[in-house]
Structure formats: C-alpha cells, structure tokens
Protein backbone atom coordinates (compact mmCIF):
# COMPACT_ATOMS: atom_id res chain seq x y z
CA MET A 1 269.21 186.19 142.75
CA THR A 2 271.76 187.26 140.21
CA PRO A 3 274.43 185.51 138.66
CA GLU A 4 277.10 188.00 140.71
CA GLU A 5 275.05 187.41 144.17
CA VAL A 6 275.32 183.75 143.81
CA ARG A 7 278.87 184.32 143.07
CA ARG A 8 279.34 186.39 145.87
CA THR A 9 277.22 184.66 148.66
CA ALA A 10 276.25 181.17 147.73
CA THR A 11 278.01 178.46 150.48
CA GLY A 12 276.15 175.11 149.14
CA PRO A 13 274.96 173.66 146.06
CA THR A 14 273.58 175.99 143.37
CA ALA A 15 270.72 173.97 141.72
CA GLY A 16 268.00 176.26 141.24
CA LEU A 17 270.28 179.44 142.00
CA ALA A 18 270.10 182.37 139.46
CA PRO A 19 267.83 180.46 137.04
CA GLY A 20 268.07 181.09 133.49
CA TYR A 21 271.83 181.45 133.67
CA ALA A 22 274.48 178.73 132.84
CA GLN A 23 276.43 177.14 135.40
CA ALA A 24 279.70 175.46 134.80
CA ASN A 25 282.37 172.44 136.37
CA LEU A 26 285.59 173.61 137.02
CA ILE A 27 288.86 171.72 136.69
CA ALA A 28 292.54 173.38 136.62
CA VAL A 29 295.66 171.60 136.13
CA PRO A 30 299.35 172.46 135.42
CA LEU A 31 300.17 173.34 132.28
CA ASP A 32 301.99 170.39 131.80
CA TRP A 33 298.82 168.48 132.16
CA ALA A 34 296.57 170.73 130.27
CA TYR A 35 296.88 169.03 126.71
CA ASP A 36 296.13 165.72 128.01
CA VAL A 37 293.03 167.45 129.82
CA LEU A 38 291.97 169.16 126.53
CA LEU A 39 292.01 166.16 124.53
CA PHE A 40 290.16 164.04 127.16
CA THR A 41 287.72 166.54 126.87
CA GLN A 42 287.52 166.61 122.99
CA ARG A 43 287.38 162.63 123.02
CA ASN A 44 284.37 162.59 125.66
CA PRO A 45 282.25 165.75 124.71
CA LYS A 46 279.16 164.09 126.28
CA PRO A 47 280.41 164.37 129.98
CA CYS A 48 282.89 167.06 129.23
CA PRO A 49 281.68 169.88 126.84
CA VAL A 50 284.26 172.83 127.27
CA LEU A 51 282.70 176.34 127.52
CA ASP A 52 286.09 178.11 128.26
CA VAL A 53 289.77 177.41 128.73
CA THR A 54 291.79 179.84 130.48
CA ASP A 55 295.25 181.01 129.94
CA PRO A 56 297.99 179.80 132.24
CA GLY A 57 297.73 181.20 135.38
CA ALA A 58 294.41 183.41 134.63
CA THR A 59 291.99 183.82 137.36
CA THR A 60 289.06 185.33 134.98
CA THR A 61 287.08 184.04 132.51
CA VAL A 62 284.75 185.32 129.44
CA LEU A 63 281.76 183.61 130.76
CA ALA A 64 281.36 186.12 133.52
CA ASP A 65 282.88 189.41 134.21
CA HIS A 66 284.81 190.17 137.17
CA ALA A 67 284.74 186.91 138.27
CA ASP A 68 287.41 185.44 140.12
CA LEU A 69 287.96 181.48 139.52
CA ARG A 70 289.61 181.38 142.80
CA ARG A 71 286.74 182.67 145.19
CA ASP A 72 283.40 182.37 143.18
CA VAL A 73 282.95 178.72 143.36
CA PRO A 74 280.87 177.93 146.61
CA ARG A 75 283.50 175.17 147.36
CA TYR A 76 286.30 173.84 145.73
CA ARG A 77 288.33 170.82 146.17
CA VAL A 78 292.33 170.37 145.87
CA TRP A 79 293.87 167.04 144.76
CA GLU A 80 297.41 165.96 145.09
CA HIS A 81 298.37 162.90 143.32
CA GLY A 82 294.46 162.06 142.94
CA THR A 83 294.21 162.24 146.67
CA LEU A 84 291.67 164.90 147.70
CA THR A 85 293.64 167.15 150.44
CA ALA A 86 291.32 170.21 151.33
CA GLU A 87 287.82 171.37 150.36
CA PRO A 88 288.28 175.05 150.57
CA ALA A 89 285.58 177.99 150.23
CA ASP A 90 288.60 180.06 148.77
CA ALA A 91 290.87 178.44 146.46
CA THR A 92 293.19 181.68 146.38
CA PRO A 93 296.03 180.15 148.68
CA PHE A 94 296.24 176.89 146.46
CA TRP A 95 296.05 178.66 142.98
CA ARG A 96 299.41 178.55 141.10
CA ASP A 97 300.70 180.75 138.14
CA ASP A 98 301.07 177.41 135.87
CA LEU A 99 297.20 176.63 136.17
CA VAL A 100 295.01 176.36 133.03
CA ALA A 101 291.17 176.08 134.08
CA PHE A 102 288.41 174.33 131.86
CA LEU A 103 284.90 175.52 132.50
CA ILE A 104 282.78 172.32 131.54
CA GLY A 105 279.08 172.47 130.95
CA CYS A 106 276.82 171.63 133.77
CA SER A 107 273.37 170.09 133.81
CA PHE A 108 271.91 172.61 135.90
CA THR A 109 271.97 174.91 133.02
CA PHE A 110 268.84 173.08 131.54
CA GLU A 111 266.77 172.62 134.48
CA SER A 112 264.98 176.18 133.97
CA ALA A 113 264.14 174.79 130.74
CA LEU A 114 262.69 171.55 132.33
CA THR A 115 260.71 173.27 134.95
CA ARG A 116 259.07 175.41 131.90
CA ALA A 117 258.24 172.23 130.51
CA GLY A 118 256.50 170.81 133.27
CA VAL A 119 259.20 168.54 134.28
CA PRO A 120 259.46 168.43 138.46
CA LEU A 121 262.98 168.48 139.81
CA ARG A 122 262.42 166.26 142.83
CA TYR A 123 265.89 166.65 144.34
CA VAL A 124 265.48 170.71 144.30
CA ASP A 125 261.88 170.37 145.98
CA GLN A 126 263.76 168.15 148.55
CA GLY A 127 266.27 170.76 149.14
CA ARG A 128 269.21 168.19 148.06
CA ASN A 129 272.40 168.25 145.97
CA VAL A 130 271.62 166.22 142.83
CA PRO A 131 272.85 162.68 143.37
CA MET A 132 275.76 161.47 141.04
CA TYR A 133 277.12 158.14 140.57
CA VAL A 134 280.34 156.25 139.08
CA THR A 135 279.49 154.03 136.42
CA ASN A 136 280.95 151.26 134.87
CA ARG A 137 281.41 152.83 131.42
CA PRO A 138 284.81 154.03 130.80
CA CYS A 139 285.82 157.30 129.18
CA ARG A 140 287.89 157.26 125.90
CA PRO A 141 291.41 157.74 127.36
CA ALA A 142 293.69 160.73 126.47
CA GLY A 143 297.23 160.81 127.12
CA ARG A 144 297.85 160.20 130.83
CA ILE A 145 294.36 161.00 131.57
CA ARG A 146 291.37 158.30 131.97
CA GLY A 147 288.61 157.38 133.89
CA PRO A 148 284.81 156.05 133.93
CA LEU A 149 281.64 158.06 133.13
CA VAL A 150 280.04 159.66 135.84
CA VAL A 151 276.23 160.65 135.60
CA SER A 152 273.76 162.85 137.35
CA MET A 153 270.26 161.01 137.91
CA ARG A 154 266.75 163.02 138.40
CA TYR A 155 263.53 161.03 138.93
CA ILE A 156 261.49 161.99 136.34
CA PRO A 157 257.63 160.92 136.05
CA ALA A 158 257.50 158.09 133.18
CA SER A 159 254.81 160.20 131.36
CA LEU A 160 257.19 163.11 131.26
CA VAL A 161 260.49 161.24 130.30
CA ASP A 162 260.11 162.00 126.73
CA THR A 163 259.83 165.59 127.33
CA ALA A 164 262.60 165.48 129.63
CA ARG A 165 264.74 164.01 126.95
CA ALA A 166 263.43 166.05 124.06
CA THR A 167 263.98 169.41 126.13
CA THR A 168 267.53 168.57 127.16
CA ALA A 169 268.68 167.32 123.55
CA ARG A 170 268.36 170.65 122.57
CA MET A 171 271.47 171.84 124.91
CA PRO A 172 274.37 169.59 124.17
CA ALA A 173 276.82 172.36 125.42
CA VAL A 174 275.67 171.25 128.90
CA HIS A 175 275.31 167.83 128.42
CA GLY A 176 272.27 167.23 126.41
CA ALA A 177 269.86 164.26 126.07
CA PRO A 178 270.45 161.45 128.87
CA VAL A 179 272.77 158.64 128.36
CA HIS A 180 270.60 156.16 130.07
CA THR A 181 266.75 155.57 131.46
CA GLY A 182 265.83 152.87 133.73
CA ASN A 183 267.55 150.07 135.47
CA PRO A 184 270.69 151.63 137.12
CA ALA A 185 272.28 148.25 137.31
CA ASP A 186 273.18 148.58 133.45
CA LEU A 187 275.41 151.46 134.41
CA GLY A 188 277.06 149.36 137.52
CA ILE A 189 274.97 151.21 139.86
CA ARG A 190 274.06 148.95 143.01
CA ASP A 191 272.28 151.46 144.79
CA LEU A 192 270.63 154.87 143.99
CA ASP A 193 270.43 155.53 147.62
CA THR A 194 274.09 155.84 148.22
CA PRO A 195 275.64 158.01 145.41
CA ASP A 196 279.07 158.60 144.94
CA PHE A 197 278.31 162.49 145.15
CA GLY A 198 275.70 164.55 146.00
CA ASP A 199 272.51 163.29 147.99
CA PRO A 200 269.91 160.62 147.72
CA THR A 201 266.59 161.59 146.19
CA THR A 202 263.16 159.68 147.68
CA PRO A 203 261.08 159.30 144.10
CA GLU A 204 257.24 159.73 143.77
CA PRO A 205 255.16 157.30 142.90
CA GLY A 206 255.40 156.50 138.86
CA ASP A 207 258.91 157.98 138.58
CA VAL A 208 261.48 156.14 136.79
CA PRO A 209 265.60 157.36 137.19
CA VAL A 210 266.90 159.17 134.11
CA PHE A 211 270.81 159.76 133.88
CA TRP A 212 272.77 162.38 132.23
CA ALA A 213 276.56 162.64 131.74
CA CYS A 214 278.02 164.70 134.54
CA GLY A 215 280.75 167.06 134.59
CA VAL A 216 282.06 165.64 137.76
CA THR A 217 283.71 162.97 135.24
CA PRO A 218 286.80 164.85 135.23
CA GLN A 219 287.28 164.42 139.09
CA ALA A 220 286.73 160.36 138.76
CA ALA A 221 289.67 160.98 136.14
CA VAL A 222 291.99 163.01 138.48
CA MET A 223 291.40 160.00 141.25
CA ALA A 224 292.14 157.50 138.52
CA SER A 225 295.14 159.30 136.77
CA LYS A 226 296.61 161.02 139.49
CA PRO A 227 298.25 164.08 138.11
CA PRO A 228 300.33 165.92 140.74
CA PHE A 229 298.17 168.61 141.56
CA ALA A 230 294.19 169.69 140.55
CA ILE A 231 291.74 172.18 141.50
CA THR A 232 288.17 171.28 140.94
CA HIS A 233 284.66 172.65 142.22
CA ALA A 234 283.22 170.39 145.02
CA PRO A 235 280.23 168.51 143.05
CA GLY A 236 277.07 170.33 142.91
CA HIS A 237 279.05 173.42 143.99
CA MET A 238 279.31 175.13 140.38
CA PHE A 239 280.69 178.30 139.08
CA VAL A 240 277.61 180.48 138.00
CA THR A 241 278.10 182.31 134.83
CA ASP A 242 276.71 185.53 133.18
CA VAL A 243 275.78 183.67 130.40
CA ARG A 244 271.84 182.99 129.90
CA ASP A 245 270.98 179.52 129.50
CA ASP A 246 269.05 179.67 126.05
CA HIS A 247 272.74 180.97 124.50
CA TYR A 248 273.15 176.78 124.75
CA THR A 249 269.77 175.99 123.15
CA ILE A 250 270.15 174.70 119.60
C-alpha cells in the first residue's frame, strides 16, 4: 500500500503498512498550550522527536501532500482536562481553529530497517499492536506539561539485540537506540503481558525484551497535566507520511 492508500483506508494499527515510509505520532493542543508542548518536546527529544509543527488551525503538514490531519489517522483520541472523551475515526467535528498540531517521530519508521537487518518483529507476525508501557522514569517538565516516559517493547532474539541497537541508533528522529534492554522491573513495569497501550506479544525461546522511547509519551503528559483540550492519535494508529524512512537515517 502507498502512504496515501493507508491514510485513506486504514482503520487499525499501522505497523507494517506502507513499508519504507515514515510514520508519525500526533498531538494537537490549543495555541495557549503550544509553547509548553514545544518546550516539553525540546527537553525530551528521545520520546518526542519533532518532525513538524503546524500553524494554529492548520490541517495540513509538509510531511504529506494533500493529507488532512483531521481525517487521515485511522483513529483519534479526544481529551478534555486529561480525560479521554472520544475515540473517533474522523476528528473533523472536534478540530478547532486554535489547535497547533505536532507530528512526532514514530518507531514504526525504523522497522523496515530492522527487517532488512534480519531482526524479526514478533508483534507484527502475530497480527497485534505493539505493546507500550508507562515507566517509572519522569520526563523533564516544561511549563505546565509533565509526565512519565512511555516505552514500546519488542521481543528480540538475544543474538540480534546488538544489531537492533545499532540499526535504530542511526535513526534518532524516530526515537533512535533503545533506552533499556532486559528486566522490565528496572522501568517499573510489573507485567509485560498487561501493557498500558497496545497488545501483549508472545516471545519465542531466546528472546529478550528491548524497550524504545515512545511517542505516546505526550499522551501520558496530557493525562498528567490535564490541558483543557487535546487531540491525539490512538496508540499504534499513526499518521503515515510521504517521507521515505531513509530520510531520517544518519
């Protein structure tokens, strides 16, 4: 599928769709909160690498010609004072003229590179959404925005962990190298079978859990900081861009 086809037709998680193209997390907040979010992303670049920021009220992005940020994400989340109030497939009725949208790099972008390097993606093979977990690591606060680091987890064969680390380290704009490998308790994660977002994944013998910073971190910040209004993507349901993934490889 092309990125445009994914944007037009996808209804579920976007991992493995439009391989070779970058995907992005979305958070849109009122202009009054936009500087706080921008500062939060600048202070926490590992989970929040910014790919684009729109003008207030804009519904387009330089990352994809003719795309509409209100309609071209498979599923959205609408937040009021930190509470999830709706999960529409089309955010047009909720979009406001004062919203500033942030497109944040997504680790789905480096998965084509992992596949080329011979690293299996268990959750994709199992037809599931990537599991994501809220950790015990606080992000650096910015103005009114605060919250914990969220991570995504992929089971990787122990013999390929170094390959996965080296491959993803070359793509810092989409989270880069892992933040942790091994014992999930070190991140405050009690049970890998009960992710905070996404679906649990079944490991194969010899696999170890590897954790990457995740662009759902701003959603955890929304829940903690309680801005009056925000729109985000639903975890795993990304905005697929027209930008090739190797554009973000160094």
